[in-house]
Amino acid sequence: MNTMQQNFTDLIQSSNLRKNLFTLILIFVALFLIVETVLTYKEAVDYKNINNVSYISVSGKSEIYTKPDTLTFNININEEGKDNAEATKKVAEKEKKAIEILKANGVKEENIKLQGYSTQDKYENVTQPCAYPTLSPDSRMQPMIARPCENTNSKIVGQTITETMEVKIRDIDTNATAEIRTKIMSELSAQNIKADGFTFIVYDVDTIKKQMREKAIANAKVDAKKLAKELGVRLDELSSFSDNNGMYPMYGMGGDAMMSKSSIETQAPTAPELTPGQQKITSNVTLTYSIK
């Protein structure tokens, strides 16, 4: 009797356990379906939002007129020789003289830079009479009547070397006055060394460009907030940025800030009448925001 009761009790407990396991499985399945449904809905909403994002773009500008502080020009050395060694020696001698003149007039060696160096063979046309075969006395061939004939060939008779150095003189009000420029040009001319390409520039222009870009960005941000307020929207994330920098020379009155090589070579070795004028440095930026 006791054995039958025990078996009956075990059967009931076993049945309850199976029910509990089944219930737990159903709960897990339901939770999984709920989570999956929520994630699917979220992805659908995100996809819809992505494809319906609106944007606004604003531009910012900043500019400044600044006075150049540096004079740049080129020194050109052109020498010929019967061979590379001779031409190289001549160029080296003139280069040394040019650097000595520049340094004696306050130009720092780090502001003298090799800009270009080229070598070229020098050719000469050589004309020689045509050569005819010599006939032996017992030859049966009749000699041909010689007609005027010449052969012209080119041969290398030397080498030309051209060297260009870029020179920068900073603090033009002190170190590049008309008197100093005239002195430098006179001394270079005395050594048959040519100078050209005189230009006034701003030495540290990158720093000024950076400052102008920062101001342009700040101006664009202010305009973006104003525009968003007028449209009744809110700015979200910055989605793109573009930067179009510009620098425009504004030469002063009384002379251009550049002078051609020919105009300098045809006059006495005096400094050209140059005025630094001003340079207009501009920064234009465009900011694009997504909006809510």
C-alpha atoms as a PDB file:
ATOM      1  CA  MET A   1       0.000   0.000   0.000  1.00  0.00           C
ATOM      2  CA  ASN A   2       2.759   2.376   0.931  1.00  0.00           C
ATOM      3  CA  THR A   3       4.584   1.516  -2.268  1.00  0.00           C
ATOM      4  CA  MET A   4       1.551   2.447  -4.381  1.00  0.00           C
ATOM      5  CA  GLN A   5       1.195   5.785  -2.568  1.00  0.00           C
ATOM      6  CA  GLN A   6       4.851   6.575  -3.154  1.00  0.00           C
ATOM      7  CA  ASN A   7       4.613   5.786  -6.844  1.00  0.00           C
ATOM      8  CA  PHE A   8       1.507   7.969  -7.150  1.00  0.00           C
ATOM      9  CA  THR A   9       3.237  10.854  -5.413  1.00  0.00           C
ATOM     10  CA  ASP A  10       6.287  10.560  -7.691  1.00  0.00           C
ATOM     11  CA  LEU A  11       4.050  10.580 -10.715  1.00  0.00           C
ATOM     12  CA  ILE A  12       2.333  13.791  -9.609  1.00  0.00           C
ATOM     13  CA  GLN A  13       5.668  15.498  -8.892  1.00  0.00           C
ATOM     14  CA  SER A  14       7.094  14.404 -12.213  1.00  0.00           C
ATOM     15  CA  SER A  15       4.058  15.818 -14.014  1.00  0.00           C
ATOM     16  CA  ASN A  16       4.422  19.175 -12.194  1.00  0.00           C
ATOM     17  CA  LEU A  17       8.095  19.344 -13.133  1.00  0.00           C
ATOM     18  CA  ARG A  18       7.316  18.838 -16.789  1.00  0.00           C
ATOM     19  CA  LYS A  19       4.660  21.564 -16.609  1.00  0.00           C
ATOM     20  CA  ASN A  20       7.118  23.935 -14.968  1.00  0.00           C
ATOM     21  CA  LEU A  21       9.790  23.249 -17.613  1.00  0.00           C
ATOM     22  CA  PHE A  22       7.286  23.746 -20.397  1.00  0.00           C
ATOM     23  CA  THR A  23       6.136  27.017 -18.831  1.00  0.00           C
ATOM     24  CA  LEU A  24       9.728  28.248 -18.569  1.00  0.00           C
ATOM     25  CA  ILE A  25      10.366  27.383 -22.183  1.00  0.00           C
ATOM     26  CA  LEU A  26       7.287  29.313 -23.254  1.00  0.00           C
ATOM     27  CA  ILE A  27       8.428  32.314 -21.204  1.00  0.00           C
ATOM     28  CA  PHE A  28      11.903  32.267 -22.807  1.00  0.00           C
ATOM     29  CA  VAL A  29      10.415  31.980 -26.297  1.00  0.00           C
ATOM     30  CA  ALA A  30       8.047  34.867 -25.588  1.00  0.00           C
ATOM     31  CA  LEU A  31      10.874  37.042 -24.286  1.00  0.00           C
ATOM     32  CA  PHE A  32      12.991  36.225 -27.311  1.00  0.00           C
ATOM     33  CA  LEU A  33      10.177  37.172 -29.685  1.00  0.00           C
ATOM     34  CA  ILE A  34       9.554  40.413 -27.799  1.00  0.00           C
ATOM     35  CA  VAL A  35      13.235  41.400 -27.924  1.00  0.00           C
ATOM     36  CA  GLU A  36      13.488  40.489 -31.588  1.00  0.00           C
ATOM     37  CA  THR A  37      10.395  42.528 -32.367  1.00  0.00           C
ATOM     38  CA  VAL A  38      11.746  45.564 -30.500  1.00  0.00           C
ATOM     39  CA  LEU A  39      15.124  45.374 -32.263  1.00  0.00           C
ATOM     40  CA  THR A  40      13.471  44.988 -35.667  1.00  0.00           C
ATOM     41  CA  TYR A  41      11.270  48.013 -34.976  1.00  0.00           C
ATOM     42  CA  LYS A  42      14.257  50.070 -33.819  1.00  0.00           C
ATOM     43  CA  GLU A  43      16.215  49.197 -36.980  1.00  0.00           C
ATOM     44  CA  ALA A  44      13.236  50.151 -39.107  1.00  0.00           C
ATOM     45  CA  VAL A  45      12.904  53.491 -37.301  1.00  0.00           C
ATOM     46  CA  ASP A  46      16.648  54.174 -37.596  1.00  0.00           C
ATOM     47  CA  TYR A  47      16.589  53.355 -41.296  1.00  0.00           C
ATOM     48  CA  LYS A  48      13.652  55.676 -41.773  1.00  0.00           C
ATOM     49  CA  ASN A  49      15.415  58.442 -39.847  1.00  0.00           C
ATOM     50  CA  ILE A  50      18.616  58.007 -41.816  1.00  0.00           C
ATOM     51  CA  ASN A  51      16.790  58.325 -45.090  1.00  0.00           C
ATOM     52  CA  ASN A  52      14.851  61.341 -43.906  1.00  0.00           C
ATOM     53  CA  VAL A  53      17.673  63.396 -42.395  1.00  0.00           C
ATOM     54  CA  SER A  54      17.643  67.046 -43.367  1.00  0.00           C
ATOM     55  CA  TYR A  55      20.694  69.274 -43.549  1.00  0.00           C
ATOM     56  CA  ILE A  56      21.540  72.945 -43.569  1.00  0.00           C
ATOM     57  CA  SER A  57      24.761  74.488 -44.846  1.00  0.00           C
ATOM     58  CA  VAL A  58      26.222  77.805 -43.783  1.00  0.00           C
ATOM     59  CA  SER A  59      29.266  79.726 -44.961  1.00  0.00           C
ATOM     60  CA  GLY A  60      31.707  81.726 -42.908  1.00  0.00           C
ATOM     61  CA  LYS A  61      34.222  84.271 -44.107  1.00  0.00           C
ATOM     62  CA  SER A  62      37.117  86.138 -42.572  1.00  0.00           C
ATOM     63  CA  GLU A  63      39.716  88.375 -44.202  1.00  0.00           C
ATOM     64  CA  ILE A  64      42.565  90.649 -43.318  1.00  0.00           C
ATOM     65  CA  TYR A  65      44.880  93.051 -45.140  1.00  0.00           C
ATOM     66  CA  THR A  66      48.438  92.565 -43.993  1.00  0.00           C
ATOM     67  CA  LYS A  67      51.704  94.226 -44.980  1.00  0.00           C
ATOM     68  CA  PRO A  68      54.395  91.914 -46.400  1.00  0.00           C
ATOM     69  CA  ASP A  69      57.482  91.611 -44.239  1.00  0.00           C
ATOM     70  CA  THR A  70      59.837  89.665 -46.534  1.00  0.00           C
ATOM     71  CA  LEU A  71      61.519  90.336 -49.875  1.00  0.00           C
ATOM     72  CA  THR A  72      62.335  87.370 -52.100  1.00  0.00           C
ATOM     73  CA  PHE A  73      64.347  87.268 -55.314  1.00  0.00           C
ATOM     74  CA  ASN A  74      66.388  84.841 -57.408  1.00  0.00           C
ATOM     75  CA  ILE A  75      70.082  84.754 -58.224  1.00  0.00           C
ATOM     76  CA  ASN A  76      70.915  83.145 -61.556  1.00  0.00           C
ATOM     77  CA  ILE A  77      74.353  81.790 -62.413  1.00  0.00           C
ATOM     78  CA  ASN A  78      75.068  80.515 -65.908  1.00  0.00           C
ATOM     79  CA  GLU A  79      78.545  79.291 -66.851  1.00  0.00           C
ATOM     80  CA  GLU A  80      80.111  77.377 -69.725  1.00  0.00           C
ATOM     81  CA  GLY A  81      83.185  75.154 -69.780  1.00  0.00           C
ATOM     82  CA  LYS A  82      84.979  72.765 -72.083  1.00  0.00           C
ATOM     83  CA  ASP A  83      83.753  69.963 -69.805  1.00  0.00           C
ATOM     84  CA  ASN A  84      81.628  69.430 -66.698  1.00  0.00           C
ATOM     85  CA  ALA A  85      84.530  69.926 -64.323  1.00  0.00           C
ATOM     86  CA  GLU A  86      85.424  73.350 -65.710  1.00  0.00           C
ATOM     87  CA  ALA A  87      81.809  74.564 -65.800  1.00  0.00           C
ATOM     88  CA  THR A  88      81.173  73.274 -62.262  1.00  0.00           C
ATOM     89  CA  LYS A  89      84.235  75.104 -60.978  1.00  0.00           C
ATOM     90  CA  LYS A  90      83.109  78.395 -62.526  1.00  0.00           C
ATOM     91  CA  VAL A  91      79.595  78.047 -61.060  1.00  0.00           C
ATOM     92  CA  ALA A  92      80.972  77.196 -57.610  1.00  0.00           C
ATOM     93  CA  GLU A  93      83.195  80.276 -57.657  1.00  0.00           C
ATOM     94  CA  LYS A  94      80.301  82.592 -58.520  1.00  0.00           C
ATOM     95  CA  GLU A  95      78.023  80.902 -56.008  1.00  0.00           C
ATOM     96  CA  LYS A  96      80.613  81.505 -53.285  1.00  0.00           C
ATOM     97  CA  LYS A  97      80.939  85.177 -54.247  1.00  0.00           C
ATOM     98  CA  ALA A  98      77.154  85.636 -54.300  1.00  0.00           C
ATOM     99  CA  ILE A  99      76.725  84.107 -50.841  1.00  0.00           C
ATOM    100  CA  GLU A 100      79.557  86.245 -49.457  1.00  0.00           C
ATOM    101  CA  ILE A 101      77.888  89.392 -50.819  1.00  0.00           C
ATOM    102  CA  LEU A 102      74.498  88.431 -49.397  1.00  0.00           C
ATOM    103  CA  LYS A 103      75.849  87.537 -45.956  1.00  0.00           C
ATOM    104  CA  ALA A 104      77.900  90.754 -45.842  1.00  0.00           C
ATOM    105  CA  ASN A 105      74.638  92.653 -46.384  1.00  0.00           C
ATOM    106  CA  GLY A 106      72.786  90.956 -43.543  1.00  0.00           C
ATOM    107  CA  VAL A 107      71.162  87.984 -45.288  1.00  0.00           C
ATOM    108  CA  LYS A 108      71.190  84.867 -43.121  1.00  0.00           C
ATOM    109  CA  GLU A 109      72.593  81.726 -44.695  1.00  0.00           C
ATOM    110  CA  GLU A 110      69.426  79.731 -43.892  1.00  0.00           C
ATOM    111  CA  ASN A 111      67.495  82.172 -46.100  1.00  0.00           C
ATOM    112  CA  ILE A 112      69.635  81.326 -49.159  1.00  0.00           C
ATOM    113  CA  LYS A 113      68.288  78.190 -50.816  1.00  0.00           C
ATOM    114  CA  LEU A 114      69.221  76.292 -53.975  1.00  0.00           C
ATOM    115  CA  GLN A 115      66.168  76.509 -56.201  1.00  0.00           C
ATOM    116  CA  GLY A 116      67.356  74.811 -59.380  1.00  0.00           C
ATOM    117  CA  TYR A 117      70.419  73.233 -60.983  1.00  0.00           C
ATOM    118  CA  SER A 118      70.721  71.953 -64.544  1.00  0.00           C
ATOM    119  CA  THR A 119      73.432  70.875 -66.968  1.00  0.00           C
ATOM    120  CA  GLN A 120      73.318  70.919 -70.741  1.00  0.00           C
ATOM    121  CA  ASP A 121      75.785  69.798 -73.363  1.00  0.00           C
ATOM    122  CA  LYS A 122      77.074  72.435 -75.774  1.00  0.00           C
ATOM    123  CA  TYR A 123      77.153  71.302 -79.398  1.00  0.00           C
ATOM    124  CA  GLU A 124      79.004  72.575 -82.434  1.00  0.00           C
ATOM    125  CA  ASN A 125      78.437  71.678 -86.077  1.00  0.00           C
ATOM    126  CA  VAL A 126      81.534  70.288 -87.792  1.00  0.00           C
ATOM    127  CA  THR A 127      81.688  70.171 -91.606  1.00  0.00           C
ATOM    128  CA  GLN A 128      84.014  67.743 -93.380  1.00  0.00           C
ATOM    129  CA  PRO A 129      84.454  66.904 -97.102  1.00  0.00           C
ATOM    130  CA  CYS A 130      83.160  63.587 -98.319  1.00  0.00           C
ATOM    131  CA  ALA A 131      85.725  60.769 -98.591  1.00  0.00           C
ATOM    132  CA  TYR A 132      86.105  58.917-101.923  1.00  0.00           C
ATOM    133  CA  PRO A 133      87.860  55.554-102.435  1.00  0.00           C
ATOM    134  CA  THR A 134      91.341  55.721-103.953  1.00  0.00           C
ATOM    135  CA  LEU A 135      91.759  53.657-107.152  1.00  0.00           C
ATOM    136  CA  SER A 136      94.961  51.744-107.819  1.00  0.00           C
ATOM    137  CA  PRO A 137      96.826  52.470-111.083  1.00  0.00           C
ATOM    138  CA  ASP A 138      96.031  49.072-112.544  1.00  0.00           C
ATOM    139  CA  SER A 139      92.348  49.255-111.665  1.00  0.00           C
ATOM    140  CA  ARG A 140      90.034  48.799-114.618  1.00  0.00           C
ATOM    141  CA  MET A 141      87.365  50.988-112.995  1.00  0.00           C
ATOM    142  CA  GLN A 142      87.078  54.416-114.462  1.00  0.00           C
ATOM    143  CA  PRO A 143      87.409  57.165-111.879  1.00  0.00           C
ATOM    144  CA  MET A 144      84.211  59.059-111.161  1.00  0.00           C
ATOM    145  CA  ILE A 145      84.063  62.786-111.532  1.00  0.00           C
ATOM    146  CA  ALA A 146      84.023  64.171-108.013  1.00  0.00           C
ATOM    147  CA  ARG A 147      81.141  66.440-107.186  1.00  0.00           C
ATOM    148  CA  PRO A 148      81.172  68.931-104.299  1.00  0.00           C
ATOM    149  CA  CYS A 149      80.189  67.050-101.173  1.00  0.00           C
ATOM    150  CA  GLU A 150      80.233  67.853 -97.461  1.00  0.00           C
ATOM    151  CA  ASN A 151      79.246  65.993 -94.289  1.00  0.00           C
ATOM    152  CA  THR A 152      77.953  68.002 -91.356  1.00  0.00           C
ATOM    153  CA  ASN A 153      77.949  66.422 -87.905  1.00  0.00           C
ATOM    154  CA  SER A 154      77.341  67.714 -84.382  1.00  0.00           C
ATOM    155  CA  LYS A 155      79.773  67.090 -81.607  1.00  0.00           C
ATOM    156  CA  ILE A 156      79.929  68.033 -77.942  1.00  0.00           C
ATOM    157  CA  VAL A 157      82.410  70.845 -77.404  1.00  0.00           C
ATOM    158  CA  GLY A 158      81.545  71.816 -73.837  1.00  0.00           C
ATOM    159  CA  GLN A 159      78.917  71.999 -71.125  1.00  0.00           C
ATOM    160  CA  THR A 160      76.652  74.715 -69.729  1.00  0.00           C
ATOM    161  CA  ILE A 161      75.523  74.720 -66.086  1.00  0.00           C
ATOM    162  CA  THR A 162      72.680  76.876 -64.806  1.00  0.00           C
ATOM    163  CA  GLU A 163      72.072  77.382 -61.096  1.00  0.00           C
ATOM    164  CA  THR A 164      69.265  79.341 -59.417  1.00  0.00           C
ATOM    165  CA  MET A 165      69.220  80.362 -55.760  1.00  0.00           C
ATOM    166  CA  GLU A 166      66.226  81.763 -53.895  1.00  0.00           C
ATOM    167  CA  VAL A 167      66.979  84.539 -51.424  1.00  0.00           C
ATOM    168  CA  LYS A 168      64.720  85.820 -48.647  1.00  0.00           C
ATOM    169  CA  ILE A 169      65.317  88.998 -46.680  1.00  0.00           C
ATOM    170  CA  ARG A 170      63.100  89.353 -43.629  1.00  0.00           C
ATOM    171  CA  ASP A 171      62.121  92.589 -41.865  1.00  0.00           C
ATOM    172  CA  ILE A 172      62.165  94.609 -45.075  1.00  0.00           C
ATOM    173  CA  ASP A 173      61.812  97.981 -43.331  1.00  0.00           C
ATOM    174  CA  THR A 174      65.233  97.432 -41.769  1.00  0.00           C
ATOM    175  CA  ASN A 175      67.070  94.893 -43.940  1.00  0.00           C
ATOM    176  CA  ALA A 176      65.726  95.531 -47.459  1.00  0.00           C
ATOM    177  CA  THR A 177      65.586  99.272 -47.887  1.00  0.00           C
ATOM    178  CA  ALA A 178      66.204 100.757 -51.331  1.00  0.00           C
ATOM    179  CA  GLU A 179      69.751 101.623 -50.277  1.00  0.00           C
ATOM    180  CA  ILE A 180      70.518  98.062 -49.189  1.00  0.00           C
ATOM    181  CA  ARG A 181      68.917  96.563 -52.307  1.00  0.00           C
ATOM    182  CA  THR A 182      70.954  98.877 -54.517  1.00  0.00           C
ATOM    183  CA  LYS A 183      74.143  97.898 -52.721  1.00  0.00           C
ATOM    184  CA  ILE A 184      73.418  94.183 -53.105  1.00  0.00           C
ATOM    185  CA  MET A 185      72.578  94.497 -56.800  1.00  0.00           C
ATOM    186  CA  SER A 186      75.631  96.635 -57.525  1.00  0.00           C
ATOM    187  CA  GLU A 187      77.961  94.139 -55.873  1.00  0.00           C
ATOM    188  CA  LEU A 188      76.318  91.202 -57.649  1.00  0.00           C
ATOM    189  CA  SER A 189      76.463  93.009 -60.991  1.00  0.00           C
ATOM    190  CA  ALA A 190      80.166  93.698 -60.503  1.00  0.00           C
ATOM    191  CA  GLN A 191      80.689  89.934 -60.378  1.00  0.00           C
ATOM    192  CA  ASN A 192      78.447  89.407 -63.447  1.00  0.00           C
ATOM    193  CA  ILE A 193      75.788  87.737 -61.281  1.00  0.00           C
ATOM    194  CA  LYS A 194      72.183  88.404 -62.253  1.00  0.00           C
ATOM    195  CA  ALA A 195      69.204  88.864 -59.924  1.00  0.00           C
ATOM    196  CA  ASP A 196      65.486  88.845 -60.810  1.00  0.00           C
ATOM    197  CA  GLY A 197      62.021  87.957 -59.588  1.00  0.00           C
ATOM    198  CA  PHE A 198      61.729  90.539 -56.825  1.00  0.00           C
ATOM    199  CA  THR A 199      58.576  89.865 -54.787  1.00  0.00           C
ATOM    200  CA  PHE A 200      57.238  90.937 -51.407  1.00  0.00           C
ATOM    201  CA  ILE A 201      55.573  88.215 -49.329  1.00  0.00           C
ATOM    202  CA  VAL A 202      54.314  87.496 -45.820  1.00  0.00           C
ATOM    203  CA  TYR A 203      56.885  85.162 -44.282  1.00  0.00           C
ATOM    204  CA  ASP A 204      54.638  83.347 -41.764  1.00  0.00           C
ATOM    205  CA  VAL A 205      51.488  83.377 -43.873  1.00  0.00           C
ATOM    206  CA  ASP A 206      50.349  79.945 -42.587  1.00  0.00           C
ATOM    207  CA  THR A 207      49.832  81.325 -39.081  1.00  0.00           C
ATOM    208  CA  ILE A 208      47.659  84.137 -40.421  1.00  0.00           C
ATOM    209  CA  LYS A 209      45.694  81.687 -42.577  1.00  0.00           C
ATOM    210  CA  LYS A 210      45.031  79.545 -39.509  1.00  0.00           C
ATOM    211  CA  GLN A 211      43.785  82.545 -37.555  1.00  0.00           C
ATOM    212  CA  MET A 212      41.502  83.573 -40.402  1.00  0.00           C
ATOM    213  CA  ARG A 213      40.130  80.020 -40.693  1.00  0.00           C
ATOM    214  CA  GLU A 214      39.326  79.939 -36.962  1.00  0.00           C
ATOM    215  CA  LYS A 215      37.440  83.241 -37.257  1.00  0.00           C
ATOM    216  CA  ALA A 216      35.601  82.039 -40.358  1.00  0.00           C
ATOM    217  CA  ILE A 217      34.502  78.855 -38.551  1.00  0.00           C
ATOM    218  CA  ALA A 218      33.321  80.875 -35.559  1.00  0.00           C
ATOM    219  CA  ASN A 219      31.315  83.157 -37.867  1.00  0.00           C
ATOM    220  CA  ALA A 220      29.769  80.139 -39.608  1.00  0.00           C
ATOM    221  CA  LYS A 221      28.718  78.594 -36.273  1.00  0.00           C
ATOM    222  CA  VAL A 222      26.991  81.804 -35.222  1.00  0.00           C
ATOM    223  CA  ASP A 223      25.132  81.968 -38.538  1.00  0.00           C
ATOM    224  CA  ALA A 224      24.163  78.283 -38.242  1.00  0.00           C
ATOM    225  CA  LYS A 225      22.524  78.883 -34.843  1.00  0.00           C
ATOM    226  CA  LYS A 226      20.672  81.921 -36.154  1.00  0.00           C
ATOM    227  CA  LEU A 227      19.438  80.051 -39.214  1.00  0.00           C
ATOM    228  CA  ALA A 228      18.295  77.056 -37.148  1.00  0.00           C
ATOM    229  CA  LYS A 229      16.353  79.368 -34.856  1.00  0.00           C
ATOM    230  CA  GLU A 230      14.684  81.108 -37.791  1.00  0.00           C
ATOM    231  CA  LEU A 231      13.733  77.733 -39.306  1.00  0.00           C
ATOM    232  CA  GLY A 232      12.455  76.384 -36.002  1.00  0.00           C
ATOM    233  CA  VAL A 233      14.819  73.415 -35.962  1.00  0.00           C
ATOM    234  CA  ARG A 234      17.700  72.222 -33.804  1.00  0.00           C
ATOM    235  CA  LEU A 235      21.251  71.616 -34.937  1.00  0.00           C
ATOM    236  CA  ASP A 236      22.400  68.022 -34.575  1.00  0.00           C
ATOM    237  CA  GLU A 237      25.823  66.853 -35.745  1.00  0.00           C
ATOM    238  CA  LEU A 238      28.368  68.485 -38.044  1.00  0.00           C
ATOM    239  CA  SER A 239      28.326  66.275 -41.118  1.00  0.00           C
ATOM    240  CA  SER A 240      30.827  68.011 -43.406  1.00  0.00           C
ATOM    241  CA  PHE A 241      33.353  70.835 -43.580  1.00  0.00           C
ATOM    242  CA  SER A 242      35.085  72.515 -46.505  1.00  0.00           C
ATOM    243  CA  ASP A 243      37.809  75.134 -46.531  1.00  0.00           C
ATOM    244  CA  ASN A 244      38.664  77.390 -49.477  1.00  0.00           C
ATOM    245  CA  ASN A 245      41.520  79.659 -48.562  1.00  0.00           C
ATOM    246  CA  GLY A 246      42.533  82.582 -50.695  1.00  0.00           C
ATOM    247  CA  MET A 247      45.414  85.036 -50.719  1.00  0.00           C
ATOM    248  CA  TYR A 248      45.464  87.995 -53.034  1.00  0.00           C
ATOM    249  CA  PRO A 249      48.361  90.452 -53.477  1.00  0.00           C
ATOM    250  CA  MET A 250      47.365  94.083 -53.230  1.00  0.00           C
ATOM    251  CA  TYR A 251      50.361  96.032 -54.470  1.00  0.00           C
ATOM    252  CA  GLY A 252      51.002  99.579 -53.351  1.00  0.00           C
ATOM    253  CA  MET A 253      51.201 102.665 -55.516  1.00  0.00           C
ATOM    254  CA  GLY A 254      54.418 103.702 -57.211  1.00  0.00           C
ATOM    255  CA  GLY A 255      55.647 100.321 -58.420  1.00  0.00           C
ATOM    256  CA  ASP A 256      54.735  96.720 -58.886  1.00  0.00           C
ATOM    257  CA  ALA A 257      55.944  94.159 -56.378  1.00  0.00           C
ATOM    258  CA  MET A 258      57.439  92.044 -59.166  1.00  0.00           C
ATOM    259  CA  MET A 259      59.923  92.903 -61.850  1.00  0.00           C
ATOM    260  CA  SER A 260      60.914  90.886 -64.894  1.00  0.00           C
ATOM    261  CA  LYS A 261      64.438  89.745 -65.596  1.00  0.00           C
ATOM    262  CA  SER A 262      64.698  91.732 -68.806  1.00  0.00           C
ATOM    263  CA  SER A 263      63.687  95.010 -67.169  1.00  0.00           C
ATOM    264  CA  ILE A 264      66.418  94.668 -64.566  1.00  0.00           C
ATOM    265  CA  GLU A 265      69.146  93.616 -66.967  1.00  0.00           C
ATOM    266  CA  THR A 266      68.647  96.606 -69.252  1.00  0.00           C
ATOM    267  CA  GLN A 267      69.178  99.238 -66.588  1.00  0.00           C
ATOM    268  CA  ALA A 268      71.926 100.255 -64.183  1.00  0.00           C
ATOM    269  CA  PRO A 269      72.428  98.032 -61.133  1.00  0.00           C
ATOM    270  CA  THR A 270      70.144 100.010 -58.837  1.00  0.00           C
ATOM    271  CA  ALA A 271      67.284  98.641 -56.805  1.00  0.00           C
ATOM    272  CA  PRO A 272      63.913  98.737 -58.582  1.00  0.00           C
ATOM    273  CA  GLU A 273      61.406 101.145 -57.066  1.00  0.00           C
ATOM    274  CA  LEU A 274      59.194  98.652 -55.257  1.00  0.00           C
ATOM    275  CA  THR A 275      56.557  99.189 -52.599  1.00  0.00           C
ATOM    276  CA  PRO A 276      55.349  96.268 -50.467  1.00  0.00           C
ATOM    277  CA  GLY A 277      51.693  97.262 -50.624  1.00  0.00           C
ATOM    278  CA  GLN A 278      49.325  94.862 -48.882  1.00  0.00           C
ATOM    279  CA  GLN A 279      48.217  91.267 -49.155  1.00  0.00           C
ATOM    280  CA  LYS A 280      44.601  90.295 -48.692  1.00  0.00           C
ATOM    281  CA  ILE A 281      44.365  86.965 -46.894  1.00  0.00           C
ATOM    282  CA  THR A 282      40.914  85.397 -46.944  1.00  0.00           C
ATOM    283  CA  SER A 283      39.394  82.262 -45.453  1.00  0.00           C
ATOM    284  CA  ASN A 284      36.062  80.856 -46.674  1.00  0.00           C
ATOM    285  CA  VAL A 285      34.571  77.812 -44.939  1.00  0.00           C
ATOM    286  CA  THR A 286      31.323  75.896 -45.300  1.00  0.00           C
ATOM    287  CA  LEU A 287      29.755  73.903 -42.452  1.00  0.00           C
ATOM    288  CA  THR A 288      26.956  71.398 -43.010  1.00  0.00           C
ATOM    289  CA  TYR A 289      24.806  70.258 -40.063  1.00  0.00           C
ATOM    290  CA  SER A 290      22.116  67.634 -39.772  1.00  0.00           C
ATOM    291  CA  ILE A 291      19.000  69.057 -38.110  1.00  0.00           C
ATOM    292  CA  LYS A 292      16.279  67.687 -35.872  1.00  0.00           C
END
